[in-house]
C-alpha atoms as a PDB file:
ATOM      1  CA  MET A   1      34.012  22.825  13.021  1.00  0.00           C
ATOM      2  CA  THR A   2      31.838  21.940  16.488  1.00  0.00           C
ATOM      3  CA  ARG A   3      29.505  18.590  16.040  1.00  0.00           C
ATOM      4  CA  ARG A   4      25.951  19.140  16.216  1.00  0.00           C
ATOM      5  CA  ALA A   5      24.264  17.695  19.394  1.00  0.00           C
ATOM      6  CA  PRO A   6      22.029  14.562  18.522  1.00  0.00           C
ATOM      7  CA  ARG A   7      18.226  15.790  18.471  1.00  0.00           C
ATOM      8  CA  GLN A   8      15.275  13.129  18.535  1.00  0.00           C
ATOM      9  CA  ALA A   9      15.064  13.339  14.542  1.00  0.00           C
ATOM     10  CA  ASP A  10      18.205  11.418  14.469  1.00  0.00           C
ATOM     11  CA  ILE A  11      16.951   9.133  17.265  1.00  0.00           C
ATOM     12  CA  ALA A  12      13.781   8.654  14.849  1.00  0.00           C
ATOM     13  CA  ALA A  13      15.876   8.235  11.879  1.00  0.00           C
ATOM     14  CA  LEU A  14      18.372   5.823  13.106  1.00  0.00           C
ATOM     15  CA  ALA A  15      15.650   3.685  15.239  1.00  0.00           C
ATOM     16  CA  GLY A  16      12.910   3.801  12.498  1.00  0.00           C
ATOM     17  CA  VAL A  17      10.067   5.472  13.974  1.00  0.00           C
ATOM     18  CA  SER A  18       8.336   8.410  14.211  1.00  0.00           C
ATOM     19  CA  GLN A  19       9.805  11.344  16.526  1.00  0.00           C
ATOM     20  CA  ALA A  20       6.571  11.508  18.600  1.00  0.00           C
ATOM     21  CA  THR A  21       7.849   7.713  19.199  1.00  0.00           C
ATOM     22  CA  VAL A  22      10.783   8.818  20.342  1.00  0.00           C
ATOM     23  CA  SER A  23       9.394  11.131  22.319  1.00  0.00           C
ATOM     24  CA  VAL A  24       6.774   8.901  24.185  1.00  0.00           C
ATOM     25  CA  VAL A  25       9.887   6.784  25.059  1.00  0.00           C
ATOM     26  CA  LEU A  26      12.356   9.018  26.241  1.00  0.00           C
ATOM     27  CA  GLY A  27       9.697  10.871  28.467  1.00  0.00           C
ATOM     28  CA  GLY A  28       9.005   7.232  29.977  1.00  0.00           C
ATOM     29  CA  ASN A  29       5.653   6.509  28.332  1.00  0.00           C
ATOM     30  CA  GLN A  30       3.392   8.507  31.024  1.00  0.00           C
ATOM     31  CA  GLY A  31       0.666   7.948  29.088  1.00  0.00           C
ATOM     32  CA  GLY A  32       1.033   4.460  28.856  1.00  0.00           C
ATOM     33  CA  VAL A  33       0.937   4.320  24.729  1.00  0.00           C
ATOM     34  CA  ARG A  34       0.985   0.606  23.920  1.00  0.00           C
ATOM     35  CA  MET A  35       3.991   0.179  21.733  1.00  0.00           C
ATOM     36  CA  SER A  36       6.205  -3.416  21.191  1.00  0.00           C
ATOM     37  CA  GLU A  37       9.623  -3.873  23.601  1.00  0.00           C
ATOM     38  CA  ASP A  38      11.545  -4.099  20.360  1.00  0.00           C
ATOM     39  CA  THR A  39      10.231  -0.323  19.385  1.00  0.00           C
ATOM     40  CA  ARG A  40      10.965   0.905  22.896  1.00  0.00           C
ATOM     41  CA  LEU A  41      14.725  -0.858  23.231  1.00  0.00           C
ATOM     42  CA  ARG A  42      15.791   0.013  19.049  1.00  0.00           C
ATOM     43  CA  VAL A  43      14.759   3.672  20.278  1.00  0.00           C
ATOM     44  CA  LEU A  44      16.917   3.241  23.628  1.00  0.00           C
ATOM     45  CA  ALA A  45      19.358   1.911  21.826  1.00  0.00           C
ATOM     46  CA  ALA A  46      19.527   4.590  18.917  1.00  0.00           C
ATOM     47  CA  ALA A  47      19.796   7.188  21.765  1.00  0.00           C
ATOM     48  CA  GLU A  48      22.821   5.291  23.361  1.00  0.00           C
ATOM     49  CA  LYS A  49      24.621   5.024  20.328  1.00  0.00           C
ATOM     50  CA  LEU A  50      23.963   8.686  19.377  1.00  0.00           C
ATOM     51  CA  GLY A  51      24.625  10.088  22.515  1.00  0.00           C
ATOM     52  CA  TYR A  52      21.732  12.067  23.116  1.00  0.00           C
ATOM     53  CA  VAL A  53      20.909  13.729  26.088  1.00  0.00           C
ATOM     54  CA  PRO A  54      17.810  15.386  26.706  1.00  0.00           C
ATOM     55  CA  ASP A  55      17.483  19.195  26.587  1.00  0.00           C
ATOM     56  CA  PRO A  56      16.414  20.152  30.666  1.00  0.00           C
ATOM     57  CA  VAL A  57      13.992  22.815  29.746  1.00  0.00           C
ATOM     58  CA  ALA A  58      12.436  20.674  27.148  1.00  0.00           C
ATOM     59  CA  THR A  59      11.894  18.405  30.033  1.00  0.00           C
ATOM     60  CA  ARG A  60      10.387  20.512  32.765  1.00  0.00           C
ATOM     61  CA  LEU A  61       7.939  21.616  29.861  1.00  0.00           C
ATOM     62  CA  ALA A  62       6.952  18.165  28.941  1.00  0.00           C
ATOM     63  CA  SER A  63       6.938  17.010  33.235  1.00  0.00           C
ATOM     64  CA  ARG A  64       3.926  19.822  33.244  1.00  0.00           C
ATOM     65  CA  ARG A  65       2.069  18.196  30.366  1.00  0.00           C
ATOM     66  CA  ASN A  66      -1.682  17.056  30.854  1.00  0.00           C
ATOM     67  CA  HIS A  67      -1.420  14.842  27.545  1.00  0.00           C
ATOM     68  CA  MET A  68      -4.528  16.808  25.967  1.00  0.00           C
ATOM     69  CA  LEU A  69      -4.363  18.180  22.654  1.00  0.00           C
ATOM     70  CA  GLY A  70      -6.786  20.915  21.288  1.00  0.00           C
ATOM     71  CA  LEU A  71      -8.582  20.530  18.224  1.00  0.00           C
ATOM     72  CA  TYR A  72     -10.285  23.616  16.402  1.00  0.00           C
ATOM     73  CA  THR A  73     -11.836  24.554  13.349  1.00  0.00           C
ATOM     74  CA  PHE A  74     -12.933  27.158  11.747  1.00  0.00           C
ATOM     75  CA  LYS A  75     -16.119  25.636  10.202  1.00  0.00           C
ATOM     76  CA  ALA A  76     -19.859  26.269  11.643  1.00  0.00           C
ATOM     77  CA  THR A  77     -20.367  22.570  12.710  1.00  0.00           C
ATOM     78  CA  PHE A  78     -17.218  19.905  13.326  1.00  0.00           C
ATOM     79  CA  PRO A  79     -16.999  17.854  10.255  1.00  0.00           C
ATOM     80  CA  THR A  80     -18.824  14.543  11.720  1.00  0.00           C
ATOM     81  CA  ASP A  81     -20.543  13.411   8.329  1.00  0.00           C
ATOM     82  CA  VAL A  82     -18.461  10.879   6.203  1.00  0.00           C
ATOM     83  CA  ALA A  83     -19.081  12.560   3.019  1.00  0.00           C
ATOM     84  CA  ASP A  84     -17.505  16.236   4.505  1.00  0.00           C
ATOM     85  CA  SER A  85     -13.889  16.376   3.236  1.00  0.00           C
ATOM     86  CA  TYR A  86     -12.796  17.310   6.515  1.00  0.00           C
ATOM     87  CA  TYR A  87     -13.951  14.169   7.913  1.00  0.00           C
ATOM     88  CA  PRO A  88     -10.677  12.158   7.280  1.00  0.00           C
ATOM     89  CA  ILE A  89      -8.539  15.048   8.680  1.00  0.00           C
ATOM     90  CA  LEU A  90     -10.323  14.100  12.111  1.00  0.00           C
ATOM     91  CA  VAL A  91      -9.881  10.196  11.600  1.00  0.00           C
ATOM     92  CA  GLY A  92      -6.521  10.663  11.356  1.00  0.00           C
ATOM     93  CA  VAL A  93      -6.200  12.781  14.058  1.00  0.00           C
ATOM     94  CA  GLU A  94      -8.055  10.937  16.516  1.00  0.00           C
ATOM     95  CA  GLU A  95      -6.207   7.866  15.492  1.00  0.00           C
ATOM     96  CA  GLN A  96      -2.964   9.350  16.024  1.00  0.00           C
ATOM     97  CA  ALA A  97      -3.325  10.991  19.268  1.00  0.00           C
ATOM     98  CA  ALA A  98      -4.702   7.814  21.006  1.00  0.00           C
ATOM     99  CA  ALA A  99      -1.439   5.631  19.006  1.00  0.00           C
ATOM    100  CA  LEU A 100       0.596   8.493  21.447  1.00  0.00           C
ATOM    101  CA  GLY A 101      -1.429   8.375  24.437  1.00  0.00           C
ATOM    102  CA  GLN A 102      -3.320  12.097  24.170  1.00  0.00           C
ATOM    103  CA  ASP A 103      -6.812  13.131  24.814  1.00  0.00           C
ATOM    104  CA  LEU A 104      -8.280  15.340  22.379  1.00  0.00           C
ATOM    105  CA  ILE A 105     -10.536  18.589  23.374  1.00  0.00           C
ATOM    106  CA  LEU A 106     -12.983  19.780  20.878  1.00  0.00           C
ATOM    107  CA  PHE A 107     -12.958  23.404  20.963  1.00  0.00           C
ATOM    108  CA  THR A 108     -16.335  24.972  19.603  1.00  0.00           C
ATOM    109  CA  GLY A 109     -15.593  29.021  19.336  1.00  0.00           C
ATOM    110  CA  ALA A 110     -19.248  28.995  18.472  1.00  0.00           C
ATOM    111  CA  ASP A 111     -21.371  31.941  19.397  1.00  0.00           C
ATOM    112  CA  GLY A 112     -25.097  31.700  20.338  1.00  0.00           C
ATOM    113  CA  ARG A 113     -26.277  31.578  16.949  1.00  0.00           C
ATOM    114  CA  GLY A 114     -24.481  28.622  16.519  1.00  0.00           C
ATOM    115  CA  GLU A 115     -21.373  30.144  14.411  1.00  0.00           C
ATOM    116  CA  ARG A 116     -17.803  29.888  14.652  1.00  0.00           C
ATOM    117  CA  THR A 117     -16.140  32.557  16.153  1.00  0.00           C
ATOM    118  CA  HIS A 118     -12.633  33.736  15.453  1.00  0.00           C
ATOM    119  CA  ASP A 119     -12.156  36.241  18.106  1.00  0.00           C
ATOM    120  CA  GLU A 120      -9.062  36.531  20.371  1.00  0.00           C
ATOM    121  CA  ALA A 121     -10.816  35.150  23.846  1.00  0.00           C
ATOM    122  CA  ALA A 122     -12.253  31.933  22.451  1.00  0.00           C
ATOM    123  CA  ILE A 123      -9.034  31.162  20.349  1.00  0.00           C
ATOM    124  CA  ARG A 124      -7.299  31.963  23.780  1.00  0.00           C
ATOM    125  CA  ARG A 125      -9.144  29.170  25.689  1.00  0.00           C
ATOM    126  CA  THR A 126      -7.319  26.337  23.533  1.00  0.00           C
ATOM    127  CA  LYS A 127      -4.207  27.149  25.741  1.00  0.00           C
ATOM    128  CA  ILE A 128      -5.821  25.196  28.615  1.00  0.00           C
ATOM    129  CA  ALA A 129      -4.744  22.170  25.982  1.00  0.00           C
ATOM    130  CA  ASP A 130      -0.511  21.322  25.868  1.00  0.00           C
ATOM    131  CA  GLY A 131      -1.153  22.767  22.245  1.00  0.00           C
ATOM    132  CA  CYS A 132      -3.650  22.833  19.936  1.00  0.00           C
ATOM    133  CA  LEU A 133      -4.550  21.637  16.006  1.00  0.00           C
ATOM    134  CA  PHE A 134      -6.273  24.302  13.567  1.00  0.00           C
ATOM    135  CA  PHE A 135      -7.753  23.816  10.797  1.00  0.00           C
ATOM    136  CA  GLY A 136     -10.133  26.094   8.346  1.00  0.00           C
ATOM    137  CA  ARG A 137      -9.514  27.835   4.955  1.00  0.00           C
ATOM    138  CA  HIS A 138      -8.374  30.940   6.462  1.00  0.00           C
ATOM    139  CA  VAL A 139      -6.559  32.190   9.760  1.00  0.00           C
ATOM    140  CA  PRO A 140      -7.468  35.150  11.840  1.00  0.00           C
ATOM    141  CA  VAL A 141      -3.980  36.365  11.811  1.00  0.00           C
ATOM    142  CA  ALA A 142      -4.114  38.482  15.050  1.00  0.00           C
ATOM    143  CA  SER A 143      -5.499  36.302  17.774  1.00  0.00           C
ATOM    144  CA  ILE A 144      -3.131  33.249  16.130  1.00  0.00           C
ATOM    145  CA  GLU A 145      -0.202  35.522  16.363  1.00  0.00           C
ATOM    146  CA  LYS A 146      -0.900  35.902  20.021  1.00  0.00           C
ATOM    147  CA  LEU A 147      -0.385  32.135  20.764  1.00  0.00           C
ATOM    148  CA  VAL A 148       2.505  32.260  18.251  1.00  0.00           C
ATOM    149  CA  GLU A 149       4.453  34.708  20.310  1.00  0.00           C
ATOM    150  CA  THR A 150       3.696  33.269  23.560  1.00  0.00           C
ATOM    151  CA  GLY A 151       5.375  30.274  22.139  1.00  0.00           C
ATOM    152  CA  PHE A 152       2.089  28.212  22.556  1.00  0.00           C
ATOM    153  CA  PRO A 153       2.318  24.914  20.599  1.00  0.00           C
ATOM    154  CA  LEU A 154       0.180  25.002  17.691  1.00  0.00           C
ATOM    155  CA  VAL A 155       0.119  23.605  14.359  1.00  0.00           C
ATOM    156  CA  TYR A 156      -2.165  24.313  11.269  1.00  0.00           C
ATOM    157  CA  ILE A 157      -3.617  21.310   8.983  1.00  0.00           C
ATOM    158  CA  GLY A 158      -3.125  22.915   5.892  1.00  0.00           C
ATOM    159  CA  ARG A 159      -0.484  25.041   4.202  1.00  0.00           C
ATOM    160  CA  ARG A 160      -0.382  28.635   5.801  1.00  0.00           C
ATOM    161  CA  ASP A 161       1.803  31.364   4.721  1.00  0.00           C
ATOM    162  CA  GLU A 162       0.818  33.900   7.221  1.00  0.00           C
ATOM    163  CA  LEU A 163       2.836  35.414   9.853  1.00  0.00           C
ATOM    164  CA  GLU A 164       5.793  34.853   7.776  1.00  0.00           C
ATOM    165  CA  GLY A 165       6.335  31.593   7.612  1.00  0.00           C
ATOM    166  CA  ARG A 166       6.062  31.245  11.486  1.00  0.00           C
ATOM    167  CA  ILE A 167       2.898  29.120  11.719  1.00  0.00           C
ATOM    168  CA  PRO A 168       3.767  25.376  11.309  1.00  0.00           C
ATOM    169  CA  PHE A 169       1.627  23.404   9.364  1.00  0.00           C
ATOM    170  CA  VAL A 170       0.768  20.094   7.365  1.00  0.00           C
ATOM    171  CA  GLY A 171      -0.782  19.898   4.178  1.00  0.00           C
ATOM    172  CA  ALA A 172      -1.017  18.724   1.124  1.00  0.00           C
ATOM    173  CA  ASP A 173       1.343  19.603  -2.178  1.00  0.00           C
ATOM    174  CA  TYR A 174      -1.335  20.871  -4.306  1.00  0.00           C
ATOM    175  CA  VAL A 175       0.960  22.556  -6.805  1.00  0.00           C
ATOM    176  CA  SER A 176       2.245  19.042  -8.188  1.00  0.00           C
ATOM    177  CA  ALA A 177      -0.652  17.308  -7.764  1.00  0.00           C
ATOM    178  CA  SER A 178      -2.998  20.451  -9.928  1.00  0.00           C
ATOM    179  CA  ALA A 179       0.293  20.251 -12.554  1.00  0.00           C
ATOM    180  CA  ALA A 180       0.027  16.519 -12.908  1.00  0.00           C
ATOM    181  CA  VAL A 181      -3.597  16.791 -13.948  1.00  0.00           C
ATOM    182  CA  VAL A 182      -2.500  19.420 -16.896  1.00  0.00           C
ATOM    183  CA  ASP A 183       0.542  17.262 -17.502  1.00  0.00           C
ATOM    184  CA  ARG A 184      -2.150  14.379 -18.332  1.00  0.00           C
ATOM    185  CA  LEU A 185      -4.199  16.299 -20.483  1.00  0.00           C
ATOM    186  CA  VAL A 186      -1.191  17.821 -22.480  1.00  0.00           C
ATOM    187  CA  SER A 187      -0.289  14.151 -23.260  1.00  0.00           C
ATOM    188  CA  LEU A 188      -3.820  13.242 -24.503  1.00  0.00           C
ATOM    189  CA  GLY A 189      -3.883  16.251 -27.102  1.00  0.00           C
ATOM    190  CA  HIS A 190      -5.403  19.295 -25.347  1.00  0.00           C
ATOM    191  CA  ARG A 191      -4.269  22.167 -25.805  1.00  0.00           C
ATOM    192  CA  ASN A 192      -7.118  24.776 -25.294  1.00  0.00           C
ATOM    193  CA  VAL A 193      -8.259  24.320 -21.312  1.00  0.00           C
ATOM    194  CA  ARG A 194     -10.625  26.443 -18.976  1.00  0.00           C
ATOM    195  CA  TYR A 195      -9.558  26.482 -15.066  1.00  0.00           C
ATOM    196  CA  VAL A 196     -12.347  27.472 -12.778  1.00  0.00           C
ATOM    197  CA  ARG A 197     -11.806  28.511  -9.271  1.00  0.00           C
ATOM    198  CA  GLU A 198     -14.297  29.960  -6.826  1.00  0.00           C
ATOM    199  CA  ASN A 199     -13.775  33.270  -5.702  1.00  0.00           C
ATOM    200  CA  ASP A 200     -11.413  33.061  -2.498  1.00  0.00           C
ATOM    201  CA  ASP A 201      -7.772  33.294  -2.134  1.00  0.00           C
ATOM    202  CA  ALA A 202      -6.943  30.685   0.568  1.00  0.00           C
ATOM    203  CA  PRO A 203      -3.532  28.903   0.028  1.00  0.00           C
ATOM    204  CA  SER A 204      -5.206  25.936  -0.991  1.00  0.00           C
ATOM    205  CA  SER A 205      -6.717  27.845  -4.123  1.00  0.00           C
ATOM    206  CA  THR A 206      -3.740  29.722  -4.723  1.00  0.00           C
ATOM    207  CA  ASP A 207      -1.437  26.673  -4.985  1.00  0.00           C
ATOM    208  CA  ARG A 208      -3.714  24.458  -7.290  1.00  0.00           C
ATOM    209  CA  GLU A 209      -4.354  27.829  -9.585  1.00  0.00           C
ATOM    210  CA  ARG A 210      -0.260  28.037  -9.395  1.00  0.00           C
ATOM    211  CA  GLY A 211       0.154  24.145 -10.250  1.00  0.00           C
ATOM    212  CA  VAL A 212      -2.425  24.781 -13.456  1.00  0.00           C
ATOM    213  CA  VAL A 213      -1.046  27.761 -14.602  1.00  0.00           C
ATOM    214  CA  GLU A 214       3.015  26.643 -14.298  1.00  0.00           C
ATOM    215  CA  ALA A 215       2.030  22.924 -16.177  1.00  0.00           C
ATOM    216  CA  ALA A 216       0.019  25.211 -18.842  1.00  0.00           C
ATOM    217  CA  ALA A 217       3.000  27.506 -19.016  1.00  0.00           C
ATOM    218  CA  ARG A 218       5.318  24.923 -19.312  1.00  0.00           C
ATOM    219  CA  ALA A 219       3.653  22.996 -22.472  1.00  0.00           C
ATOM    220  CA  GLY A 220       2.768  26.106 -24.391  1.00  0.00           C
ATOM    221  CA  VAL A 221      -0.728  25.314 -23.952  1.00  0.00           C
ATOM    222  CA  GLU A 222      -3.640  27.963 -23.359  1.00  0.00           C
ATOM    223  CA  CYS A 223      -4.991  28.191 -19.957  1.00  0.00           C
ATOM    224  CA  ARG A 224      -6.944  30.867 -18.632  1.00  0.00           C
ATOM    225  CA  VAL A 225      -8.344  30.920 -15.137  1.00  0.00           C
ATOM    226  CA  VAL A 226     -11.910  32.239 -14.661  1.00  0.00           C
ATOM    227  CA  ARG A 227     -14.181  32.638 -11.081  1.00  0.00           C
ATOM    228  CA  ASP A 228     -17.124  31.465 -10.475  1.00  0.00           C
ATOM    229  CA  GLU A 229     -19.048  31.012 -13.717  1.00  0.00           C
ATOM    230  CA  ALA A 230     -19.042  28.445 -16.822  1.00  0.00           C
ATOM    231  CA  PRO A 231     -19.937  29.585 -19.895  1.00  0.00           C
ATOM    232  CA  VAL A 232     -19.497  26.581 -21.632  1.00  0.00           C
ATOM    233  CA  ASP A 233     -20.830  27.121 -25.041  1.00  0.00           C
ATOM    234  CA  GLU A 234     -18.716  30.136 -25.434  1.00  0.00           C
ATOM    235  CA  TRP A 235     -15.458  28.090 -24.433  1.00  0.00           C
ATOM    236  CA  ARG A 236     -16.673  25.188 -26.882  1.00  0.00           C
ATOM    237  CA  ARG A 237     -16.790  27.895 -29.688  1.00  0.00           C
ATOM    238  CA  ASP A 238     -13.292  29.452 -28.326  1.00  0.00           C
ATOM    239  CA  GLY A 239     -11.620  25.956 -29.340  1.00  0.00           C
ATOM    240  CA  VAL A 240     -11.862  24.588 -25.711  1.00  0.00           C
ATOM    241  CA  THR A 241     -11.807  20.765 -25.114  1.00  0.00           C
ATOM    242  CA  ALA A 242     -11.215  20.463 -21.295  1.00  0.00           C
ATOM    243  CA  VAL A 243     -12.423  21.935 -18.491  1.00  0.00           C
ATOM    244  CA  VAL A 244     -10.396  21.891 -14.877  1.00  0.00           C
ATOM    245  CA  VAL A 245     -12.079  23.119 -11.578  1.00  0.00           C
ATOM    246  CA  GLU A 246     -10.710  23.361  -7.795  1.00  0.00           C
ATOM    247  CA  GLU A 247     -12.368  21.147  -4.839  1.00  0.00           C
ATOM    248  CA  THR A 248     -13.006  23.321  -1.845  1.00  0.00           C
ATOM    249  CA  ASP A 249     -15.277  22.724   1.124  1.00  0.00           C
ATOM    250  CA  THR A 250     -17.975  24.226  -0.277  1.00  0.00           C
ATOM    251  CA  HIS A 251     -17.910  22.326  -3.566  1.00  0.00           C
ATOM    252  CA  ALA A 252     -19.974  25.409  -5.330  1.00  0.00           C
ATOM    253  CA  ALA A 253     -17.565  25.533  -8.013  1.00  0.00           C
ATOM    254  CA  TYR A 254     -17.314  22.016  -8.814  1.00  0.00           C
ATOM    255  CA  ARG A 255     -21.114  21.577  -8.714  1.00  0.00           C
ATOM    256  CA  ALA A 256     -21.554  24.673 -11.091  1.00  0.00           C
ATOM    257  CA  VAL A 257     -18.951  23.406 -13.421  1.00  0.00           C
ATOM    258  CA  ARG A 258     -19.988  19.538 -13.259  1.00  0.00           C
ATOM    259  CA  ALA A 259     -23.619  20.306 -14.370  1.00  0.00           C
ATOM    260  CA  ALA A 260     -22.190  22.927 -17.136  1.00  0.00           C
ATOM    261  CA  VAL A 261     -20.442  20.322 -18.919  1.00  0.00           C
ATOM    262  CA  ASP A 262     -22.506  16.907 -19.084  1.00  0.00           C
ATOM    263  CA  GLY A 263     -24.119  16.113 -22.077  1.00  0.00           C
ATOM    264  CA  THR A 264     -21.229  17.977 -23.875  1.00  0.00           C
ATOM    265  CA  ASP A 265     -17.850  16.305 -25.478  1.00  0.00           C
ATOM    266  CA  LEU A 266     -15.852  18.642 -22.990  1.00  0.00           C
ATOM    267  CA  SER A 267     -13.083  16.805 -21.084  1.00  0.00           C
ATOM    268  CA  PHE A 268     -13.546  17.666 -17.266  1.00  0.00           C
ATOM    269  CA  ALA A 269     -11.061  17.114 -14.350  1.00  0.00           C
ATOM    270  CA  VAL A 270     -11.658  18.037 -10.605  1.00  0.00           C
ATOM    271  CA  LEU A 271      -8.579  19.228  -8.678  1.00  0.00           C
ATOM    272  CA  GLY A 272      -9.329  17.090  -5.583  1.00  0.00           C
ATOM    273  CA  ARG A 273     -12.256  14.920  -5.008  1.00  0.00           C
ATOM    274  CA  PRO A 274     -16.148  15.207  -5.877  1.00  0.00           C
ATOM    275  CA  PRO A 275     -18.592  15.371  -3.319  1.00  0.00           C
ATOM    276  CA  GLU A 276     -20.423  12.382  -4.244  1.00  0.00           C
ATOM    277  CA  GLY A 277     -17.263  10.484  -4.171  1.00  0.00           C
ATOM    278  CA  GLY A 278     -16.081   7.290  -6.267  1.00  0.00           C
ATOM    279  CA  THR A 279     -13.066   7.199  -8.488  1.00  0.00           C
ATOM    280  CA  ASP A 280     -14.912   7.915 -12.185  1.00  0.00           C
ATOM    281  CA  VAL A 281     -13.638  11.811 -12.393  1.00  0.00           C
ATOM    282  CA  THR A 282     -10.342  12.449 -13.071  1.00  0.00           C
ATOM    283  CA  GLY A 283      -8.363  14.301 -10.537  1.00  0.00           C
ATOM    284  CA  PHE A 284      -6.327  13.215  -7.118  1.00  0.00           C
ATOM    285  CA  GLU A 285      -6.907  12.122  -3.755  1.00  0.00           C
ATOM    286  CA  VAL A 286      -5.590  14.554  -0.699  1.00  0.00           C
ATOM    287  CA  PRO A 287      -3.978  12.726   2.023  1.00  0.00           C
ATOM    288  CA  ARG A 288      -6.113  14.214   4.722  1.00  0.00           C
ATOM    289  CA  ARG A 289      -6.278  10.939   6.674  1.00  0.00           C
ATOM    290  CA  GLU A 290      -2.501  11.398   6.957  1.00  0.00           C
ATOM    291  CA  MET A 291      -2.439  15.157   7.250  1.00  0.00           C
ATOM    292  CA  GLY A 292      -4.399  14.700  10.482  1.00  0.00           C
ATOM    293  CA  ARG A 293      -1.972  12.458  11.998  1.00  0.00           C
ATOM    294  CA  ARG A 294       1.353  13.737  10.871  1.00  0.00           C
ATOM    295  CA  ALA A 295       0.133  17.290  12.521  1.00  0.00           C
ATOM    296  CA  VAL A 296      -0.565  15.358  15.870  1.00  0.00           C
ATOM    297  CA  GLU A 297       3.001  14.005  15.600  1.00  0.00           C
ATOM    298  CA  LEU A 298       4.087  17.617  14.865  1.00  0.00           C
ATOM    299  CA  LEU A 299       2.148  18.906  17.466  1.00  0.00           C
ATOM    300  CA  VAL A 300       3.495  16.413  20.252  1.00  0.00           C
ATOM    301  CA  GLU A 301       6.941  17.089  19.031  1.00  0.00           C
ATOM    302  CA  LEU A 302       6.861  20.486  19.277  1.00  0.00           C
ATOM    303  CA  ILE A 303       5.315  20.009  23.127  1.00  0.00           C
ATOM    304  CA  THR A 304       8.266  18.064  23.801  1.00  0.00           C
ATOM    305  CA  GLY A 305      10.920  20.333  22.302  1.00  0.00           C
ATOM    306  CA  ASP A 306      12.390  19.020  19.810  1.00  0.00           C
ATOM    307  CA  PRO A 307      10.237  19.059  16.758  1.00  0.00           C
ATOM    308  CA  GLY A 308      11.630  18.333  12.981  1.00  0.00           C
ATOM    309  CA  ASP A 309      10.113  19.972   9.832  1.00  0.00           C
ATOM    310  CA  LEU A 310       8.087  22.948  10.708  1.00  0.00           C
ATOM    311  CA  HIS A 311       6.344  22.947   7.157  1.00  0.00           C
ATOM    312  CA  GLN A 312       5.647  19.690   5.849  1.00  0.00           C
ATOM    313  CA  LEU A 313       3.625  18.517   2.361  1.00  0.00           C
ATOM    314  CA  LEU A 314       2.518  15.695   1.422  1.00  0.00           C
ATOM    315  CA  PRO A 315       2.088  14.309  -2.076  1.00  0.00           C
ATOM    316  CA  CYS A 316      -1.329  13.338  -3.517  1.00  0.00           C
ATOM    317  CA  THR A 317      -2.493  10.331  -5.458  1.00  0.00           C
ATOM    318  CA  PRO A 318      -3.439  10.813  -8.922  1.00  0.00           C
ATOM    319  CA  VAL A 319      -6.949   9.341  -9.965  1.00  0.00           C
ATOM    320  CA  PRO A 320      -7.293   8.729 -13.354  1.00  0.00           C
ATOM    321  CA  GLY A 321     -10.758   8.374 -13.609  1.00  0.00           C
ATOM    322  CA  THR A 322     -13.290   8.481 -17.127  1.00  0.00           C
ATOM    323  CA  THR A 323     -13.898  11.906 -17.945  1.00  0.00           C
ATOM    324  CA  VAL A 324     -10.784  13.101 -19.701  1.00  0.00           C
ATOM    325  CA  LYS A 325     -10.287  11.451 -23.355  1.00  0.00           C
ATOM    326  CA  ASP A 326      -7.988  11.631 -26.130  1.00  0.00           C
ATOM    327  CA  VAL A 327      -8.213  14.368 -28.751  1.00  0.00           C
ATOM    328  CA  ARG A 328      -5.168  13.596 -30.579  1.00  0.00           C
END
């Protein structure tokens, strides 16, 4: 059997560092990234031990880099308000870009009315950077496909299933996190649950629903899925004891359901965090900051020609909260 040539991922594992750090060291740290001499030597020692030989094509590509990463979001404005659910993503992106000696270009892509455009010309402008990060609930498939076909390095922040899996991404494991919320309700004796989601079919919404439905089916409890409505009185007459709602960037479903269940004896959970913050509402914390950081690392790995896993899902942290109760 022919032995596979060592890759930067192997060096990273042996040296105990990220692939992006390996790329910086082996590329001569042209961006002047600050790192300890011990880290640099560990990477070089691991490369030597594994007999790593750089890919000459990737090396030539890397020599033409300008160390600029693009960031394009399909929101009307960049999420600079700390209360915005996307804000932690930007923080993580900025932190990791700085750590790896990369500059950031924020692409507005806005038309004259201040609205975000999805047209091919606006998205094509991202090619002035070495590569680009994208995030938003939906993908302008035709425009992104043209970037993918040309080999332009890009990473979506958030799971994507468009283009038959050809879009690299770093997202959150909403399926497991949502299932864990239902498992907790079941452990507290809830056997009749309603799940409310917005009338949208983004992958993040689909994953949350999948986690809820699969967990309910495993436990043998009733769980109906409804969209954009909260007839609480009717649900209570039908024996419902708990309501679960998805988190989205609009928070529309959350606000409607929270207002409807307040003052009732219904347990309540959100698949994410509420817009008002705090830890009183049962749910989970989405690792948005880490998603931003890992997305930058993956993009740099794509640019330098030695990427690791192109589809990464990060675990969410449970938030116990106080809004679900024991009904046994």
